Protein backbone atom coordinates (compact mmCIF):
# COMPACT_ATOMS: atom_id res chain seq x y z
CA GLN A 1 63.94 21.85 -59.84
CA VAL A 2 60.71 22.30 -61.16
CA GLN A 3 57.85 20.42 -58.51
CA LEU A 4 54.02 20.50 -58.63
CA VAL A 5 52.24 19.76 -56.03
CA GLU A 6 48.21 19.14 -56.12
CA SER A 7 46.12 20.18 -52.84
CA GLY A 8 42.27 20.26 -52.51
CA GLY A 9 40.94 16.70 -53.21
CA GLY A 10 39.21 14.24 -50.90
CA LEU A 11 36.01 12.43 -50.57
CA VAL A 12 32.69 14.02 -51.71
CA GLN A 13 29.05 12.91 -52.33
CA ALA A 14 28.00 12.43 -55.47
CA GLY A 15 26.51 15.92 -56.79
CA GLY A 16 29.09 17.84 -55.18
CA SER A 17 31.93 19.93 -56.06
CA LEU A 18 35.89 19.92 -55.37
CA ARG A 19 38.21 22.33 -56.38
CA LEU A 20 41.88 20.95 -57.15
CA SER A 21 44.96 23.28 -56.99
CA CYS A 22 48.00 23.05 -58.33
CA ALA A 23 51.19 25.05 -57.40
CA THR A 24 54.55 24.92 -59.09
CA SER A 25 57.69 25.72 -57.88
CA GLY A 26 61.03 26.12 -59.43
CA GLN A 27 62.62 27.70 -62.57
CA ILE A 28 59.49 27.96 -65.34
CA PHE A 29 60.60 29.67 -68.26
CA SER A 30 58.03 28.92 -71.44
CA ILE A 31 54.95 26.81 -70.59
CA ASN A 32 53.15 25.04 -73.28
CA SER A 33 50.44 23.56 -71.31
CA MET A 34 48.83 22.68 -68.11
CA GLY A 35 46.30 20.40 -67.25
CA TRP A 36 45.03 17.85 -64.86
CA TYR A 37 45.08 13.60 -65.91
CA ARG A 38 43.50 10.89 -63.64
CA GLN A 39 43.76 7.50 -63.14
CA ALA A 40 41.30 5.45 -61.46
CA PRO A 41 42.23 1.45 -60.21
CA GLY A 42 42.64 -0.55 -63.46
CA LYS A 43 42.50 1.94 -65.80
CA GLN A 44 45.26 3.89 -68.04
CA ARG A 45 45.80 7.45 -66.87
CA GLU A 46 43.89 9.94 -69.03
CA LEU A 47 43.34 13.32 -69.72
CA VAL A 48 40.70 15.46 -67.98
CA ALA A 49 41.54 19.07 -69.04
CA ILE A 50 44.29 20.90 -70.50
CA GLY A 51 45.08 24.59 -71.20
CA ILE A 52 47.42 25.46 -73.65
CA SER A 53 49.24 28.73 -73.98
CA GLY A 54 47.43 31.31 -76.11
CA GLY A 55 44.16 30.62 -74.33
CA LYS A 56 43.09 27.01 -75.35
CA THR A 57 41.09 24.84 -73.75
CA ASN A 58 40.18 21.23 -73.94
CA TYR A 59 38.51 18.59 -72.27
CA ALA A 60 37.39 15.11 -71.71
CA GLU A 61 33.77 14.34 -73.02
CA SER A 62 33.22 12.93 -69.96
CA VAL A 63 33.21 16.11 -67.98
CA LYS A 64 32.49 18.51 -70.20
CA GLY A 65 29.72 20.88 -68.88
CA ARG A 66 31.33 19.79 -65.53
CA PHE A 67 34.73 20.63 -64.78
CA THR A 68 36.34 24.23 -65.25
CA ILE A 69 40.25 24.48 -65.90
CA SER A 70 41.39 27.81 -64.77
CA ARG A 71 44.99 29.07 -64.78
CA ASP A 72 47.17 31.91 -62.61
CA ASN A 73 49.56 32.88 -65.19
CA ALA A 74 51.60 34.79 -62.51
CA LYS A 75 51.87 32.37 -59.87
CA ASN A 76 52.17 28.91 -62.77
CA ALA A 77 49.38 27.66 -60.76
CA VAL A 78 46.70 25.69 -62.32
CA TYR A 79 42.71 24.78 -60.67
CA LEU A 80 40.02 22.28 -61.48
CA GLN A 81 36.73 23.12 -60.51
CA MET A 82 34.27 19.83 -60.30
CA ASN A 83 31.11 20.46 -59.83
CA SER A 84 28.30 17.50 -60.62
CA LEU A 85 30.66 15.13 -59.32
CA LYS A 86 29.96 11.10 -60.23
CA PRO A 87 31.32 8.19 -58.57
CA GLU A 88 32.96 7.70 -61.84
CA ASP A 89 34.96 10.58 -61.19
CA THR A 90 36.86 8.56 -58.63
CA ALA A 91 40.38 8.42 -59.11
CA VAL A 92 43.55 9.89 -58.64
CA TYR A 93 44.31 12.92 -60.23
CA TYR A 94 47.70 14.33 -61.34
CA CYS A 95 48.68 17.96 -62.47
CA ASN A 96 51.08 18.15 -65.49
CA LEU A 97 53.19 21.34 -66.70
CA VAL A 98 54.53 20.69 -70.50
CA VAL A 99 57.03 23.47 -70.93
CA SER A 100 59.57 24.24 -74.11
CA LEU A 101 62.35 26.15 -72.48
CA PRO A 102 65.41 25.76 -72.09
CA ARG A 103 64.28 22.39 -73.60
CA TRP A 104 60.73 20.07 -73.65
CA ARG A 105 60.11 18.84 -70.55
CA ASN A 106 57.15 17.23 -68.87
CA TYR A 107 56.55 17.31 -64.94
CA TRP A 108 53.78 15.67 -63.19
CA GLY A 109 52.68 16.24 -59.71
CA GLN A 110 52.64 13.20 -56.98
CA GLY A 111 48.58 13.31 -57.23
CA ILE A 112 45.84 13.58 -55.24
CA GLN A 113 42.81 11.14 -54.69
CA VAL A 114 39.87 12.36 -55.51
CA THR A 115 36.75 10.12 -54.13
CA VAL A 116 32.94 10.62 -55.15
CA SER A 117 30.53 8.04 -52.96
CA SER A 118 27.10 7.44 -54.01
C-alpha cells in the first residue's frame, strides 16, 4: 500500500518562505513523476510543479522563479521550496506520485494547508 504524507505547511506572511515535504511509504517500483498540486477554495485543483523522471521539471506560470521542486530519489521523496509567497498562494497543497509499474497508478497525499497573510 503506497502512502504519501505531506508536511511543512502553515501560516506565513506575504514575502515569506515555506518548504513542503512529501514522504512516501510502501513498495514503489517505477516512478514516472512526482509533483505538487494545489486547490484554493472554490477553485479547481491545479498543477504547481512537477518533476518527471529523467530530470525535467515543469512549473505553473504563477510560481516560476519563486518555487523550486526537488526530489530525493533514494527516499522517493519530493520537496517544494516556496519563496516570496503571496496571498494568492493560499491553498491546500497535495503531493502526487505517478508510477508505471506494475501498472500505471496515480497516488495523492491527504493535502496540507498553506496560508499566506497579507
